[in-house]
Amino acid sequence: MTEKSWIYAVLEAAQHEMREDPAMTWIFELTPPVASNPDMPVINLETEFGRRRVVNTGIDENWMASTVIGAGLAGSRSVTYIPYQGAAMPFQVIQNHAGKLRHMTGGVASIPVVFIIELTGQTPGFAGQHSDYELDTAYAHIAGVRTVVPSTPYDAKGMMTAAIRSPDPVVFLNPAGLRTLSGEVPDEPYEVPLDKAAVRVEGSDLTIVSSGPGMPVSLEAAERLAEEGINAEVIDLRVLKEMDTETLVTSVSKTRKLLTVDQSYYTLCPGAEVIARVAENVEGVRYKRVAFPDAPPPASPEMFLWMRPDAENVAEAARQLVG
């Protein structure tokens, strides 16, 4: 395997699939599909596949989402990259069309499209207009659409490959705060299942569940707790819909304590769904959740970082559960 950046891993997956399928398209605005990596060839999808297959649109996220849905109905696999400025804009199109057309046609229509939605809610300095685009819960609520949020470059490539190959629409949440991550990623194509969580750390004292941008602080908190003799099991959801309830129930049945960690708003955050699913299946469990407060994020990075859950917030919540 080779050390690769997050965005290089994502584009490498798309590059392979576009080479295999001459009808596949990529639509973007503002963010060209270009990535470099040390000692590896630059990936530039527009240069390699041309502007008829890699389309730089005007700034119109609804048009972008509608176009790839139309391409999917016509039989072409398509990907569109929605940057942080427009993360909320295509929601209605995805909800009202991508999520319903397969069902409305009795399964005749296939929507093999991927919506890459860039999340910026965990990034300080964007001000209120853009910094609350942590729309994981909103997109996970759409019926008929699978919603995934990888937290490592390895998963980013594997889940992108699986999403492109899926006959159903997939919302691929791309946390801006993880774009600088690098990790070991195979050169050959592979798939990461779009219905399985991952146990990142095994433990017996409590279960910590998070996803996407919440994973780094959860893993750091687990390290701090281990130094204190508290063994936390850390689960990366990876998939918000369809959520892997079995892995959650198996872990919490063992630890009897559940802590959820989210960078999105406290009310109806993904952790709330995790707690609900576990509560339906495991009795006598203690619960706690850590999430961003229900308040618009400030522009000041110092104030923003004070509001955003960090490793010590998570560790302290874990101590309260175990104590």
Protein backbone atom coordinates (compact mmCIF):
# COMPACT_ATOMS: atom_id res chain seq x y z
CA MET A 1 0.00 0.00 0.00
CA THR A 2 1.00 3.63 -0.50
CA GLU A 3 0.59 6.69 1.72
CA LYS A 4 -2.06 8.81 0.03
CA SER A 5 -4.05 11.92 0.83
CA TRP A 6 -7.81 11.82 1.32
CA ILE A 7 -8.67 13.62 -1.92
CA TYR A 8 -6.14 11.60 -3.92
CA ALA A 9 -7.77 8.41 -2.68
CA VAL A 10 -11.24 9.63 -3.67
CA LEU A 11 -10.16 10.73 -7.15
CA GLU A 12 -8.17 7.54 -7.68
CA ALA A 13 -11.37 5.56 -7.13
CA ALA A 14 -13.26 7.76 -9.61
CA GLN A 15 -10.42 7.62 -12.13
CA HIS A 16 -10.48 3.82 -12.20
CA GLU A 17 -14.25 3.67 -12.60
CA MET A 18 -14.22 6.28 -15.37
CA ARG A 19 -11.57 4.29 -17.24
CA GLU A 20 -13.75 1.19 -16.96
CA ASP A 21 -16.99 2.94 -17.95
CA PRO A 22 -16.73 5.41 -20.89
CA ALA A 23 -20.24 6.72 -20.16
CA MET A 24 -19.49 7.80 -16.60
CA THR A 25 -19.40 11.56 -15.89
CA TRP A 26 -18.14 13.91 -13.18
CA ILE A 27 -19.79 17.31 -12.61
CA PHE A 28 -18.26 20.00 -10.42
CA GLU A 29 -18.18 23.68 -9.59
CA LEU A 30 -15.27 25.62 -8.07
CA THR A 31 -13.39 22.46 -7.01
CA PRO A 32 -11.55 20.87 -9.98
CA PRO A 33 -11.03 17.09 -9.73
CA VAL A 34 -7.26 17.39 -9.43
CA ALA A 35 -4.98 15.83 -6.81
CA SER A 36 -1.29 15.18 -6.36
CA ASN A 37 0.59 12.81 -4.11
CA PRO A 38 4.34 12.42 -3.49
CA ASP A 39 6.05 10.16 -6.03
CA MET A 40 2.77 9.44 -7.81
CA PRO A 41 1.24 10.79 -11.04
CA VAL A 42 -1.06 13.80 -10.74
CA ILE A 43 -4.72 12.91 -11.13
CA ASN A 44 -6.60 15.40 -13.30
CA LEU A 45 -9.93 13.96 -14.40
CA GLU A 46 -10.73 16.88 -16.69
CA THR A 47 -7.45 16.54 -18.59
CA GLU A 48 -7.71 12.76 -18.88
CA PHE A 49 -11.37 12.41 -19.81
CA GLY A 50 -12.17 15.74 -21.43
CA ARG A 51 -14.79 18.38 -20.79
CA ARG A 52 -17.66 16.37 -22.20
CA ARG A 53 -17.31 13.86 -19.36
CA VAL A 54 -15.87 16.14 -16.67
CA VAL A 55 -18.08 19.21 -16.67
CA ASN A 56 -17.31 22.51 -14.92
CA THR A 57 -20.70 24.07 -14.39
CA GLY A 58 -21.89 27.46 -13.31
CA ILE A 59 -22.64 27.96 -9.63
CA ASP A 60 -25.96 26.16 -9.47
CA GLU A 61 -26.04 23.19 -7.11
CA ASN A 62 -29.68 22.34 -7.86
CA TRP A 63 -28.82 22.09 -11.56
CA MET A 64 -25.84 19.88 -10.79
CA ALA A 65 -27.89 17.50 -8.67
CA SER A 66 -30.71 17.41 -11.22
CA THR A 67 -28.31 16.73 -14.08
CA VAL A 68 -26.69 13.68 -12.50
CA ILE A 69 -30.12 12.29 -11.61
CA GLY A 70 -31.12 12.68 -15.26
CA ALA A 71 -27.89 11.01 -16.35
CA GLY A 72 -28.57 8.15 -13.99
CA LEU A 73 -32.08 7.68 -15.38
CA ALA A 74 -30.56 7.59 -18.86
CA GLY A 75 -28.20 4.81 -17.78
CA SER A 76 -24.99 6.72 -17.05
CA ARG A 77 -23.21 6.53 -13.73
CA SER A 78 -22.41 10.02 -12.52
CA VAL A 79 -20.75 11.87 -9.66
CA THR A 80 -21.25 15.48 -8.66
CA TYR A 81 -19.07 17.35 -6.17
CA ILE A 82 -20.99 19.94 -4.13
CA PRO A 83 -18.53 22.25 -2.31
CA TYR A 84 -19.21 23.73 1.11
CA GLN A 85 -20.81 26.91 -0.27
CA GLY A 86 -23.68 24.90 -1.69
CA ALA A 87 -23.93 21.95 0.66
CA ALA A 88 -27.50 22.75 1.67
CA MET A 89 -28.78 23.78 -1.76
CA PRO A 90 -29.39 20.40 -3.50
CA PHE A 91 -31.22 18.88 -0.52
CA GLN A 92 -34.71 19.29 -2.02
CA VAL A 93 -33.69 17.81 -5.36
CA ILE A 94 -32.06 14.80 -3.72
CA GLN A 95 -34.97 14.28 -1.35
CA ASN A 96 -37.78 14.74 -3.87
CA HIS A 97 -36.25 12.97 -6.86
CA ALA A 98 -33.13 10.89 -6.20
CA GLY A 99 -34.65 9.23 -3.17
CA LYS A 100 -38.03 8.49 -4.69
CA LEU A 101 -37.79 7.74 -8.42
CA ARG A 102 -36.67 4.12 -8.00
CA HIS A 103 -39.62 3.46 -5.72
CA MET A 104 -42.08 5.46 -7.83
CA THR A 105 -41.19 3.36 -10.87
CA GLY A 106 -41.54 0.07 -9.05
CA GLY A 107 -37.80 -0.53 -9.19
CA VAL A 108 -37.58 -0.07 -12.96
CA ALA A 109 -35.53 3.14 -12.77
CA SER A 110 -31.96 2.98 -11.51
CA ILE A 111 -30.25 6.04 -10.06
CA PRO A 112 -26.52 5.09 -10.03
CA VAL A 113 -25.30 8.51 -8.91
CA VAL A 114 -23.07 9.84 -6.14
CA PHE A 115 -23.51 13.22 -4.51
CA ILE A 116 -20.27 14.27 -2.82
CA ILE A 117 -21.39 16.80 -0.23
CA GLU A 118 -18.57 18.72 1.44
CA LEU A 119 -19.15 19.33 5.15
CA THR A 120 -17.54 22.32 6.83
CA GLY A 121 -19.26 22.36 10.20
CA GLN A 122 -16.12 21.24 12.02
CA THR A 123 -13.91 23.91 10.42
CA PRO A 124 -13.41 27.17 12.36
CA GLY A 125 -13.25 30.53 10.61
CA PHE A 126 -16.00 30.05 8.02
CA ALA A 127 -18.56 32.20 9.89
CA GLY A 128 -22.22 31.36 10.32
CA GLN A 129 -23.13 31.40 6.63
CA HIS A 130 -20.98 28.37 5.84
CA SER A 131 -19.76 26.81 9.08
CA ASP A 132 -23.00 25.07 10.03
CA TYR A 133 -23.10 22.86 6.94
CA GLU A 134 -22.76 19.74 9.05
CA LEU A 135 -25.80 18.26 7.36
CA ASP A 136 -25.16 14.61 8.13
CA THR A 137 -28.46 14.16 9.95
CA ALA A 138 -30.46 15.95 7.25
CA TYR A 139 -29.15 13.84 4.39
CA ALA A 140 -29.39 10.64 6.43
CA HIS A 141 -33.09 11.38 6.88
CA ILE A 142 -33.84 11.08 3.15
CA ALA A 143 -35.64 7.86 2.30
CA GLY A 144 -34.22 5.89 -0.62
CA VAL A 145 -30.73 7.39 -0.40
CA ARG A 146 -27.74 5.74 1.26
CA THR A 147 -25.64 8.20 3.30
CA VAL A 148 -22.00 7.47 4.10
CA VAL A 149 -19.25 9.44 5.86
CA PRO A 150 -15.74 7.90 5.81
CA SER A 151 -13.11 9.03 8.28
CA THR A 152 -9.91 7.61 6.74
CA PRO A 153 -8.35 7.78 3.25
CA TYR A 154 -8.61 3.98 3.03
CA ASP A 155 -12.35 4.07 3.63
CA ALA A 156 -12.74 7.14 1.42
CA LYS A 157 -11.41 5.27 -1.63
CA GLY A 158 -13.19 2.01 -0.90
CA MET A 159 -16.52 3.65 -0.14
CA MET A 160 -16.28 5.88 -3.20
CA THR A 161 -15.72 2.82 -5.38
CA ALA A 162 -18.68 1.05 -3.78
CA ALA A 163 -20.85 4.16 -4.09
CA ILE A 164 -20.10 4.59 -7.80
CA ARG A 165 -20.91 0.93 -8.44
CA SER A 166 -24.17 1.07 -6.46
CA PRO A 167 -27.38 1.07 -8.53
CA ASP A 168 -28.95 3.40 -5.98
CA PRO A 169 -28.12 7.03 -5.12
CA VAL A 170 -25.46 7.61 -2.49
CA VAL A 171 -24.72 10.78 -0.55
CA PHE A 172 -20.99 10.71 0.14
CA LEU A 173 -20.31 13.18 2.94
CA ASN A 174 -16.84 14.67 2.60
CA PRO A 175 -15.72 16.41 5.83
CA ALA A 176 -13.51 19.37 4.94
CA GLY A 177 -11.60 18.94 8.17
CA LEU A 178 -10.37 15.50 7.07
CA ARG A 179 -9.14 16.50 3.61
CA THR A 180 -5.58 16.91 4.90
CA LEU A 181 -5.44 13.36 6.29
CA SER A 182 -3.09 10.82 4.72
CA GLY A 183 -3.03 7.07 5.18
CA GLU A 184 -2.14 3.73 3.66
CA VAL A 185 -4.30 3.10 0.60
CA PRO A 186 -4.00 0.21 -1.90
CA ASP A 187 -3.28 1.10 -5.51
CA GLU A 188 -5.75 -1.42 -6.89
CA PRO A 189 -9.53 -0.84 -6.72
CA TYR A 190 -11.47 -2.29 -3.80
CA GLU A 191 -14.81 -1.76 -2.06
CA VAL A 192 -15.64 -0.93 1.53
CA PRO A 193 -19.20 -2.09 2.35
CA LEU A 194 -21.83 0.63 2.47
CA ASP A 195 -23.66 -1.03 5.38
CA LYS A 196 -20.98 -1.79 7.97
CA ALA A 197 -19.53 0.12 10.90
CA ALA A 198 -15.90 -0.41 11.92
CA VAL A 199 -14.56 -1.18 15.40
CA ARG A 200 -11.47 1.05 15.53
CA VAL A 201 -10.46 0.20 19.11
CA GLU A 202 -11.59 -2.78 21.17
CA GLY A 203 -12.49 -2.26 24.81
CA SER A 204 -14.70 -3.44 27.63
CA ASP A 205 -15.56 -0.47 29.88
CA LEU A 206 -17.70 1.64 27.55
CA THR A 207 -18.56 2.10 23.88
CA ILE A 208 -17.77 5.38 22.11
CA VAL A 209 -19.54 5.83 18.78
CA SER A 210 -18.78 8.57 16.28
CA SER A 211 -18.34 9.20 12.56
CA GLY A 212 -16.47 11.42 10.12
CA PRO A 213 -14.95 14.49 11.79
CA GLY A 214 -15.83 13.18 15.25
CA MET A 215 -13.52 10.20 14.90
CA PRO A 216 -10.14 11.90 15.50
CA VAL A 217 -11.25 13.37 18.83
CA SER A 218 -12.91 10.10 19.84
CA LEU A 219 -9.71 8.15 19.17
CA GLU A 220 -7.63 10.71 21.05
CA ALA A 221 -10.03 10.55 23.98
CA ALA A 222 -9.75 6.76 24.01
CA GLU A 223 -5.96 7.07 24.27
CA ARG A 224 -6.29 9.43 27.25
CA LEU A 225 -8.76 7.10 28.93
CA ALA A 226 -6.47 4.10 28.38
CA GLU A 227 -3.74 5.89 30.31
CA GLU A 228 -6.19 6.12 33.21
CA GLY A 229 -7.08 2.45 33.03
CA ILE A 230 -10.41 2.93 31.22
CA ASN A 231 -10.72 0.67 28.17
CA ALA A 232 -13.04 2.25 25.63
CA GLU A 233 -14.31 0.48 22.53
CA VAL A 234 -14.45 2.99 19.66
CA ILE A 235 -16.84 2.44 16.75
CA ASP A 236 -16.76 4.39 13.49
CA LEU A 237 -20.28 4.40 12.07
CA ARG A 238 -19.07 5.05 8.49
CA VAL A 239 -22.66 4.64 7.27
CA LEU A 240 -25.50 6.77 8.61
CA LYS A 241 -28.08 5.07 6.40
CA GLU A 242 -28.39 2.15 6.46
CA MET A 243 -26.86 2.23 9.96
CA ASP A 244 -25.17 -0.93 11.19
CA THR A 245 -27.31 -1.63 14.26
CA GLU A 246 -25.86 -5.12 14.78
CA THR A 247 -22.32 -3.87 15.47
CA LEU A 248 -23.64 -1.23 17.88
CA VAL A 249 -25.80 -3.70 19.80
CA THR A 250 -23.00 -6.27 20.02
CA SER A 251 -20.61 -3.74 21.51
CA VAL A 252 -22.99 -2.13 23.98
CA SER A 253 -24.30 -5.52 25.12
CA LYS A 254 -20.73 -6.10 26.29
CA THR A 255 -19.84 -2.70 27.78
CA ARG A 256 -23.32 -1.61 29.06
CA LYS A 257 -22.33 2.05 28.58
CA LEU A 258 -22.69 4.16 25.44
CA LEU A 259 -21.19 7.56 24.63
CA THR A 260 -21.90 9.17 21.27
CA VAL A 261 -19.78 11.96 19.79
CA ASP A 262 -20.88 14.33 17.02
CA GLN A 263 -19.60 17.55 15.50
CA SER A 264 -23.14 18.32 14.30
CA TYR A 265 -25.87 19.98 16.35
CA TYR A 266 -26.98 18.30 19.58
CA THR A 267 -30.66 18.03 18.67
CA LEU A 268 -31.26 15.01 16.40
CA CYS A 269 -27.55 14.44 15.82
CA PRO A 270 -26.55 10.97 14.52
CA GLY A 271 -25.72 9.99 18.08
CA ALA A 272 -29.37 10.38 19.02
CA GLU A 273 -30.27 7.73 16.43
CA VAL A 274 -27.50 5.48 17.74
CA ILE A 275 -28.87 5.75 21.28
CA ALA A 276 -32.42 5.07 20.09
CA ARG A 277 -31.40 1.92 18.20
CA VAL A 278 -29.39 0.57 21.10
CA ALA A 279 -32.16 1.38 23.59
CA GLU A 280 -34.59 -0.64 21.47
CA ASN A 281 -32.35 -3.70 21.67
CA VAL A 282 -30.37 -3.57 24.92
CA GLU A 283 -31.87 -2.99 28.36
CA GLY A 284 -30.17 -1.43 31.35
CA VAL A 285 -27.61 0.66 29.47
CA ARG A 286 -26.25 4.04 30.59
CA TYR A 287 -26.13 6.70 27.87
CA LYS A 288 -24.51 10.06 27.25
CA ARG A 289 -23.88 12.16 24.13
CA VAL A 290 -21.48 14.94 23.23
CA ALA A 291 -22.27 17.23 20.30
CA PHE A 292 -22.05 20.80 19.04
CA PRO A 293 -24.43 23.15 20.90
CA ASP A 294 -27.69 24.18 19.26
CA ALA A 295 -26.35 27.61 18.29
CA PRO A 296 -25.03 29.15 15.05
CA PRO A 297 -21.23 28.82 14.95
CA PRO A 298 -19.35 32.10 15.43
CA ALA A 299 -16.74 33.42 12.99
CA SER A 300 -14.10 33.65 15.70
CA PRO A 301 -11.94 30.47 15.58
CA GLU A 302 -11.27 30.75 19.32
CA MET A 303 -14.96 30.80 20.19
CA PHE A 304 -15.73 28.11 17.65
CA LEU A 305 -13.10 25.74 19.05
CA TRP A 306 -14.48 26.39 22.55
CA MET A 307 -17.93 25.23 21.37
CA ARG A 308 -16.75 22.27 19.30
CA PRO A 309 -16.36 18.97 21.19
CA ASP A 310 -12.72 18.04 21.67
CA ALA A 311 -10.89 15.04 23.11
CA GLU A 312 -11.09 16.30 26.69
CA ASN A 313 -14.85 16.89 26.41
CA VAL A 314 -15.24 13.31 25.23
CA ALA A 315 -12.91 11.90 27.88
CA GLU A 316 -14.70 13.75 30.67
CA ALA A 317 -18.09 12.48 29.49
CA ALA A 318 -16.67 8.96 29.45
CA ARG A 319 -15.35 9.37 33.00
CA GLN A 320 -18.82 10.38 34.16
CA LEU A 321 -20.36 7.32 32.53
CA VAL A 322 -17.82 4.91 34.00
CA GLY A 323 -17.63 6.54 37.40
